[in-house]
Protein backbone atom coordinates (compact mmCIF):
# COMPACT_ATOMS: atom_id res chain seq x y z
CA MET A 1 67.94 106.17 84.10
CA ASN A 2 65.49 108.72 82.69
CA ARG A 3 66.40 112.24 81.61
CA ARG A 4 65.16 113.84 84.84
CA GLU A 5 67.27 111.46 86.94
CA THR A 6 70.25 112.18 84.73
CA LEU A 7 69.87 115.94 85.21
CA LEU A 8 69.36 115.59 88.96
CA GLY A 9 72.54 113.53 89.11
CA ALA A 10 74.38 116.18 87.14
CA ALA A 11 73.15 118.89 89.50
CA ALA A 12 74.38 116.93 92.51
CA ALA A 13 77.79 116.44 90.90
CA LEU A 14 78.08 120.13 90.10
CA ALA A 15 77.12 121.09 93.63
CA ALA A 16 80.04 119.00 94.88
CA CYS A 17 82.57 121.11 92.98
CA GLY A 18 84.51 123.80 94.74
CA PRO A 19 86.76 124.03 97.79
CA ALA A 20 86.02 121.43 100.44
CA GLY A 21 88.38 122.56 103.15
CA GLY A 22 91.18 120.19 102.21
CA GLN A 23 89.69 117.27 104.19
CA GLY A 24 89.15 113.81 102.73
CA PRO A 25 88.92 113.03 99.02
CA ALA A 26 88.55 115.80 96.46
CA PRO A 27 85.04 116.24 95.04
CA PRO A 28 84.60 114.39 91.74
CA PHE A 29 84.78 116.19 88.42
CA PRO A 30 81.38 115.51 86.79
CA MET A 31 82.81 114.44 83.41
CA ARG A 32 84.70 111.21 84.08
CA ARG A 33 85.64 110.02 80.55
CA GLY A 34 85.57 112.78 77.96
CA VAL A 35 86.73 113.46 74.41
CA ASN A 36 88.06 116.75 73.00
CA LEU A 37 86.43 117.67 69.68
CA GLY A 38 89.61 119.38 68.50
CA ASN A 39 90.45 120.90 65.11
CA ALA A 40 86.81 121.81 64.39
CA LEU A 41 85.48 124.95 66.06
CA GLU A 42 88.90 126.46 66.74
CA ALA A 43 89.71 126.45 63.01
CA PRO A 44 89.09 129.73 61.09
CA ASN A 45 86.02 127.99 59.69
CA GLU A 46 84.78 124.58 60.80
CA GLY A 47 86.14 121.93 58.46
CA GLU A 48 89.21 123.87 57.30
CA TRP A 49 91.46 121.78 59.55
CA GLY A 50 90.04 118.53 58.24
CA TYR A 51 87.31 117.88 60.77
CA ARG A 52 83.68 118.91 61.13
CA ILE A 53 81.53 117.79 64.06
CA GLU A 54 78.61 115.58 63.06
CA ASP A 55 75.61 114.40 65.08
CA ALA A 56 76.66 110.84 64.27
CA HIS A 57 80.01 111.47 66.00
CA LEU A 58 78.26 112.64 69.17
CA ARG A 59 76.04 109.56 69.12
CA ALA A 60 79.08 107.32 68.63
CA ILE A 61 80.83 108.98 71.58
CA ALA A 62 77.82 108.51 73.84
CA ASP A 63 77.15 104.95 72.65
CA ALA A 64 80.77 103.93 73.21
CA GLY A 65 80.60 104.88 76.89
CA PHE A 66 82.21 108.31 77.06
CA ASP A 67 80.24 110.75 79.20
CA GLY A 68 81.29 114.14 77.85
CA VAL A 69 82.93 116.28 75.21
CA ARG A 70 85.10 119.36 75.39
CA LEU A 71 84.51 121.98 72.68
CA PRO A 72 87.61 124.07 71.92
CA VAL A 73 86.33 127.23 70.23
CA ARG A 74 88.25 130.14 68.67
CA TRP A 75 85.89 132.82 69.96
CA ASP A 76 88.13 135.84 69.36
CA ALA A 77 88.66 135.38 65.61
CA ARG A 78 85.04 135.43 64.43
CA PRO A 79 83.63 138.95 64.94
CA GLY A 80 80.76 140.07 62.76
CA GLY A 81 77.76 142.30 62.40
CA GLY A 82 79.15 144.93 64.74
CA THR A 83 79.55 142.42 67.60
CA LEU A 84 82.55 140.61 69.07
CA ILE A 85 81.25 137.17 68.03
CA GLN A 86 79.45 136.07 64.89
CA ARG A 87 75.91 134.95 65.59
CA ASP A 88 76.54 131.92 63.35
CA LEU A 89 79.29 130.74 65.69
CA ILE A 90 77.11 131.20 68.77
CA ASN A 91 74.36 129.23 67.06
CA ARG A 92 76.72 126.47 65.93
CA VAL A 93 78.13 125.96 69.43
CA SER A 94 74.58 125.97 70.79
CA GLU A 95 73.60 123.33 68.22
CA VAL A 96 76.52 121.03 69.09
CA ALA A 97 76.17 121.53 72.84
CA GLY A 98 72.43 120.97 72.75
CA LYS A 99 72.74 117.76 70.75
CA ALA A 100 75.49 116.44 73.01
CA ALA A 101 73.54 117.27 76.18
CA SER A 102 70.43 115.59 74.74
CA LEU A 103 72.49 112.42 74.41
CA GLY A 104 73.42 112.58 78.10
CA LEU A 105 76.90 114.01 77.55
CA PHE A 106 78.51 116.77 79.56
CA VAL A 107 79.79 119.66 77.44
CA GLN A 108 82.82 121.79 78.31
CA ILE A 109 82.85 125.00 76.22
CA ASP A 110 86.42 126.28 76.05
CA MET A 111 88.04 129.46 74.74
CA HIS A 112 90.92 128.16 72.60
CA HIS A 113 93.78 129.83 70.74
CA TYR A 114 93.29 133.40 71.92
CA ASP A 115 96.88 133.88 70.80
CA ALA A 116 96.95 137.68 70.80
CA PHE A 117 95.84 137.81 74.45
CA ASN A 118 98.09 134.94 75.43
CA ASP A 119 101.11 136.62 73.86
CA ALA A 120 100.36 140.09 75.21
CA GLY A 121 99.50 139.00 78.72
CA PRO A 122 96.73 139.60 81.25
CA ASP A 123 97.40 143.33 81.62
CA SER A 124 97.22 144.08 77.90
CA GLU A 125 94.59 145.89 75.87
CA PHE A 126 92.99 142.48 75.17
CA ARG A 127 91.81 142.06 78.76
CA GLN A 128 88.59 144.01 78.36
CA ARG A 129 87.86 142.36 75.02
CA PHE A 130 88.29 138.95 76.67
CA LEU A 131 85.84 139.88 79.43
CA ASP A 132 83.36 141.33 76.95
CA ILE A 133 83.50 138.16 74.84
CA TRP A 134 82.78 136.05 77.90
CA ARG A 135 79.86 138.28 78.85
CA ILE A 136 78.35 137.51 75.43
CA ILE A 137 79.08 133.78 75.69
CA ALA A 138 77.63 133.53 79.19
CA GLU A 139 74.48 135.45 78.30
CA SER A 140 74.04 133.42 75.11
CA TYR A 141 74.02 130.10 77.01
CA ARG A 142 72.44 131.17 80.28
CA TYR A 143 69.52 128.79 79.65
CA ALA A 144 71.64 125.92 78.36
CA SER A 145 71.51 122.52 80.03
CA GLU A 146 73.18 122.34 83.42
CA ARG A 147 75.39 119.69 81.80
CA VAL A 148 77.22 122.56 80.03
CA PHE A 149 80.41 123.92 81.67
CA PHE A 150 82.48 127.00 80.82
CA GLU A 151 86.29 127.01 80.56
CA PRO A 152 87.34 130.65 80.11
CA LEU A 153 90.91 130.37 78.79
CA ASN A 154 92.94 127.48 77.42
CA GLU A 155 96.65 127.14 78.32
CA PRO A 156 97.81 130.61 79.41
CA ASN A 157 101.59 130.63 79.11
CA GLY A 158 104.62 132.90 79.24
CA ALA A 159 106.44 134.94 81.88
CA HIS A 160 103.75 137.62 82.03
CA TRP A 161 101.17 135.07 83.19
CA SER A 162 102.25 134.91 86.81
CA ALA A 163 100.09 132.89 89.16
CA GLN A 164 98.78 136.03 90.84
CA ALA A 165 98.06 137.88 87.59
CA LEU A 166 96.22 134.84 86.24
CA ARG A 167 94.20 134.44 89.43
CA GLU A 168 93.14 138.09 89.31
CA LEU A 169 91.98 137.76 85.70
CA GLN A 170 90.15 134.54 86.49
CA ALA A 171 88.36 136.23 89.40
CA GLU A 172 87.20 138.94 86.99
CA VAL A 173 85.92 136.54 84.34
CA VAL A 174 84.17 134.41 86.98
CA GLY A 175 82.39 137.57 88.10
CA VAL A 176 81.34 138.32 84.52
CA ILE A 177 80.00 134.79 84.01
CA ARG A 178 78.18 134.83 87.35
CA GLU A 179 76.14 137.86 86.24
CA SER A 180 74.06 135.56 84.02
CA ASN A 181 75.06 132.06 85.19
CA PRO A 182 75.18 132.13 88.98
CA GLU A 183 75.51 128.37 89.43
CA ARG A 184 77.12 127.00 86.25
CA LEU A 185 80.36 125.04 86.66
CA ILE A 186 83.44 127.07 85.66
CA VAL A 187 86.67 125.20 84.90
CA LEU A 188 89.98 126.99 85.53
CA GLY A 189 93.62 126.02 85.22
CA PRO A 190 97.11 127.25 86.10
CA GLY A 191 99.65 128.89 83.81
CA ASN A 192 102.57 127.33 81.91
CA TRP A 193 100.19 125.65 79.42
CA GLN A 194 98.06 124.33 82.32
CA ASN A 195 100.99 122.21 83.37
CA ILE A 196 100.67 120.14 86.53
CA ASP A 197 103.84 121.75 87.92
CA ALA A 198 102.19 125.19 87.72
CA LEU A 199 99.71 124.17 90.43
CA ARG A 200 102.42 124.76 93.03
CA ASP A 201 101.96 128.52 93.33
CA TRP A 202 98.48 129.01 91.84
CA ARG A 203 95.04 128.83 93.39
CA PRO A 204 91.64 129.38 91.78
CA PRO A 205 89.72 132.45 92.89
CA GLU A 206 87.28 131.83 95.70
CA GLY A 207 83.76 130.77 94.78
CA GLU A 208 81.32 127.94 94.41
CA ASN A 209 81.08 125.58 91.41
CA ILE A 210 84.70 126.06 90.39
CA ALA A 211 86.75 123.08 89.24
CA VAL A 212 90.35 122.72 88.05
CA SER A 213 91.78 121.26 84.84
CA VAL A 214 95.39 120.50 83.93
CA HIS A 215 96.95 119.12 80.74
CA TYR A 216 99.55 116.37 80.27
CA TYR A 217 101.78 115.59 77.28
CA GLU A 218 104.92 114.26 78.95
CA PRO A 219 107.47 113.44 77.75
CA HIS A 220 106.81 116.16 75.15
CA ALA A 221 109.52 114.67 72.92
CA PHE A 222 107.52 111.43 72.86
CA THR A 223 103.95 112.75 72.47
CA HIS A 224 104.92 115.35 69.86
CA GLN A 225 107.64 113.47 67.96
CA GLY A 226 107.28 114.04 64.25
CA ALA A 227 104.44 116.54 64.70
CA GLU A 228 104.05 118.04 61.23
CA TRP A 229 102.74 121.40 62.47
CA LEU A 230 106.02 121.95 64.34
CA GLY A 231 108.09 121.59 61.17
CA ASP A 232 111.82 121.53 61.85
CA ASP A 233 111.13 122.08 65.56
CA ALA A 234 109.35 118.74 65.91
CA PRO A 235 111.15 116.69 68.59
CA THR A 236 112.51 113.19 68.22
CA PHE A 237 112.34 110.32 70.70
CA ASP A 238 114.99 107.70 70.10
CA ARG A 239 113.55 104.74 71.97
CA ALA A 240 110.33 102.96 72.80
CA TRP A 241 108.35 104.50 75.64
CA GLY A 242 107.05 102.36 78.49
CA ASN A 243 109.84 101.10 80.74
CA GLY A 244 109.55 101.09 84.52
CA ASP A 245 110.98 104.57 84.94
CA ASP A 246 108.59 105.95 82.31
CA LEU A 247 105.58 104.51 84.09
CA SER A 248 106.75 105.65 87.52
CA GLN A 249 107.29 109.20 86.29
CA LEU A 250 103.85 109.31 84.70
CA ARG A 251 102.19 108.08 87.88
CA ARG A 252 104.09 110.65 89.95
CA HIS A 253 102.94 113.47 87.68
CA ILE A 254 99.27 112.44 87.77
CA GLY A 255 99.57 111.72 91.47
CA ALA A 256 100.86 115.26 92.08
CA ALA A 257 97.74 116.74 90.46
CA ALA A 258 95.46 114.47 92.47
CA SER A 259 97.31 115.26 95.70
CA TRP A 260 96.91 119.00 95.05
CA ALA A 261 93.19 118.48 94.47
CA ARG A 262 92.80 116.58 97.73
CA GLN A 263 94.81 119.16 99.65
CA HIS A 264 92.84 122.13 98.35
CA GLY A 265 89.47 120.47 97.94
CA TYR A 266 88.81 121.02 94.23
CA ALA A 267 87.40 118.67 91.61
CA MET A 268 90.27 117.88 89.23
CA GLN A 269 90.21 116.99 85.55
CA LEU A 270 92.98 115.99 83.18
CA GLY A 271 91.51 118.11 80.39
CA GLU A 272 93.95 117.19 77.62
CA PHE A 273 96.33 114.28 77.03
CA GLY A 274 97.31 112.42 73.90
CA VAL A 275 99.95 111.31 71.42
CA ASN A 276 100.03 112.55 67.84
CA ARG A 277 99.34 110.27 64.90
CA ALA A 278 102.96 110.20 63.70
CA VAL A 279 103.76 107.82 66.57
CA ALA A 280 103.25 104.07 66.12
CA LEU A 281 99.77 103.04 67.20
CA GLY A 282 100.99 100.53 69.77
CA GLN A 283 103.07 103.20 71.48
CA ARG A 284 100.20 105.69 71.40
CA ALA A 285 97.92 103.10 72.95
CA LEU A 286 100.41 102.11 75.66
CA TRP A 287 100.94 105.70 76.83
CA THR A 288 97.23 106.53 76.65
CA ARG A 289 96.28 103.47 78.68
CA ALA A 290 98.89 104.34 81.30
CA VAL A 291 97.51 107.89 81.67
CA ARG A 292 93.94 106.62 81.89
CA ASP A 293 94.88 104.06 84.54
CA ALA A 294 96.78 106.67 86.59
CA CYS A 295 93.84 109.09 86.49
CA GLU A 296 91.28 106.50 87.44
CA ALA A 297 93.47 105.16 90.25
CA GLU A 298 93.50 108.70 91.66
CA GLY A 299 89.78 109.31 91.11
CA MET A 300 90.41 112.01 88.47
CA GLY A 301 88.19 112.67 85.49
CA TRP A 302 89.88 112.82 82.09
CA CYS A 303 89.25 114.16 78.58
CA VAL A 304 91.44 112.75 75.81
CA TRP A 305 92.86 114.87 72.98
CA ASP A 306 91.32 114.32 70.56
CA PHE A 307 88.49 112.73 68.59
CA ALA A 308 89.53 113.02 64.94
CA GLY A 309 92.28 115.64 64.67
CA ALA A 310 96.04 115.24 64.91
CA PHE A 311 95.81 112.89 67.93
CA PRO A 312 92.88 110.79 66.68
CA ILE A 313 90.91 108.02 68.30
CA TRP A 314 88.39 108.03 65.40
CA ASP A 315 89.20 107.18 61.77
CA ARG A 316 87.59 109.92 59.67
CA GLU A 317 87.99 108.07 56.40
CA ARG A 318 86.44 104.84 57.63
CA GLY A 319 83.91 106.51 59.90
CA GLU A 320 84.73 104.25 62.83
CA TRP A 321 86.78 104.03 66.00
CA ILE A 322 90.48 103.30 65.86
CA GLU A 323 89.71 100.17 67.82
CA GLN A 324 92.91 99.93 69.82
CA MET A 325 92.51 103.54 71.03
CA ARG A 326 88.86 103.03 71.92
CA SER A 327 89.78 99.90 73.82
CA VAL A 328 92.56 101.42 75.93
CA LEU A 329 90.27 104.28 76.90
CA LEU A 330 87.11 102.35 77.74
CA ASP A 331 87.67 98.62 78.17
CA GLU A 332 88.56 97.13 81.54
CA GLN A 333 91.32 95.15 79.87
CA SER A 334 92.85 95.92 76.50
CA TRP A 335 95.34 94.16 74.30
CA ILE A 336 98.04 96.58 73.15
CA HIS A 337 99.94 95.53 70.07
CA GLU A 338 102.59 97.32 68.03
CA SER A 339 101.58 98.56 64.60
């Protein structure tokens, strides 16, 4: 397929996103098998959290058979030169997104770790700053490839983020983005850390080219056991994961997201899922394969967390895939062994 055919296919996929009247299957999320490039552009400075994005990584992702990347970016913490965002950060995101798109990858640009806004809530003094930042982002990438998506806010959480308050904010930021990007895909999610359960009383604002993304790390005590960044609060999980009840619960959770998408007619993505590196590789692989299988059985796109951070599928030291993780994400059949 040549580049023009690829872009035409992308345009058709984007046009399918948005409410479809609740009849028949949900429209497909354009990115089917993605990778989060976590711990890079959401760090205070890229590389400070142990990972820096390289062109070779993007090529490896495309060559392996993934079709997209999600770029978590800490937009709020890098002001400079009298503006809300450093020009260097805008240029760096443009560089990564452009390279990824040139390789045929979709690119999901996400606002990550806006902790002050998340903690203060949607009616705080940070609301206007959030909208102003997105006006700059949207205008900066208005001529970017149509393979680039915007995700305005990662994992809103807390009692002040009611479904209605979140929807009202999302309607505002969609309006801001549409000023310069009238047709670009915008990815939105519910509150409670974009939990699947939070879909129950939330709806995206009306509009075209809007898709939905939820996150999944259940059981939290399993996926985050021994997580060093949680310190003494890191949970423990006192058994192996993967019995019949575990698998049934996982399928029910993913099935609930897919059912919501069919009912309301939105393209649905599982935008984050993963198990941290403190867990035995065989267990990580088993859970990851089960989530992948559940998503694909339901026709949902997915984006694993993450490439080379705390939940890695790439070995930074060796410069190669962690083969068992690559296999469970991409191979039709994969051999899962304990290690």
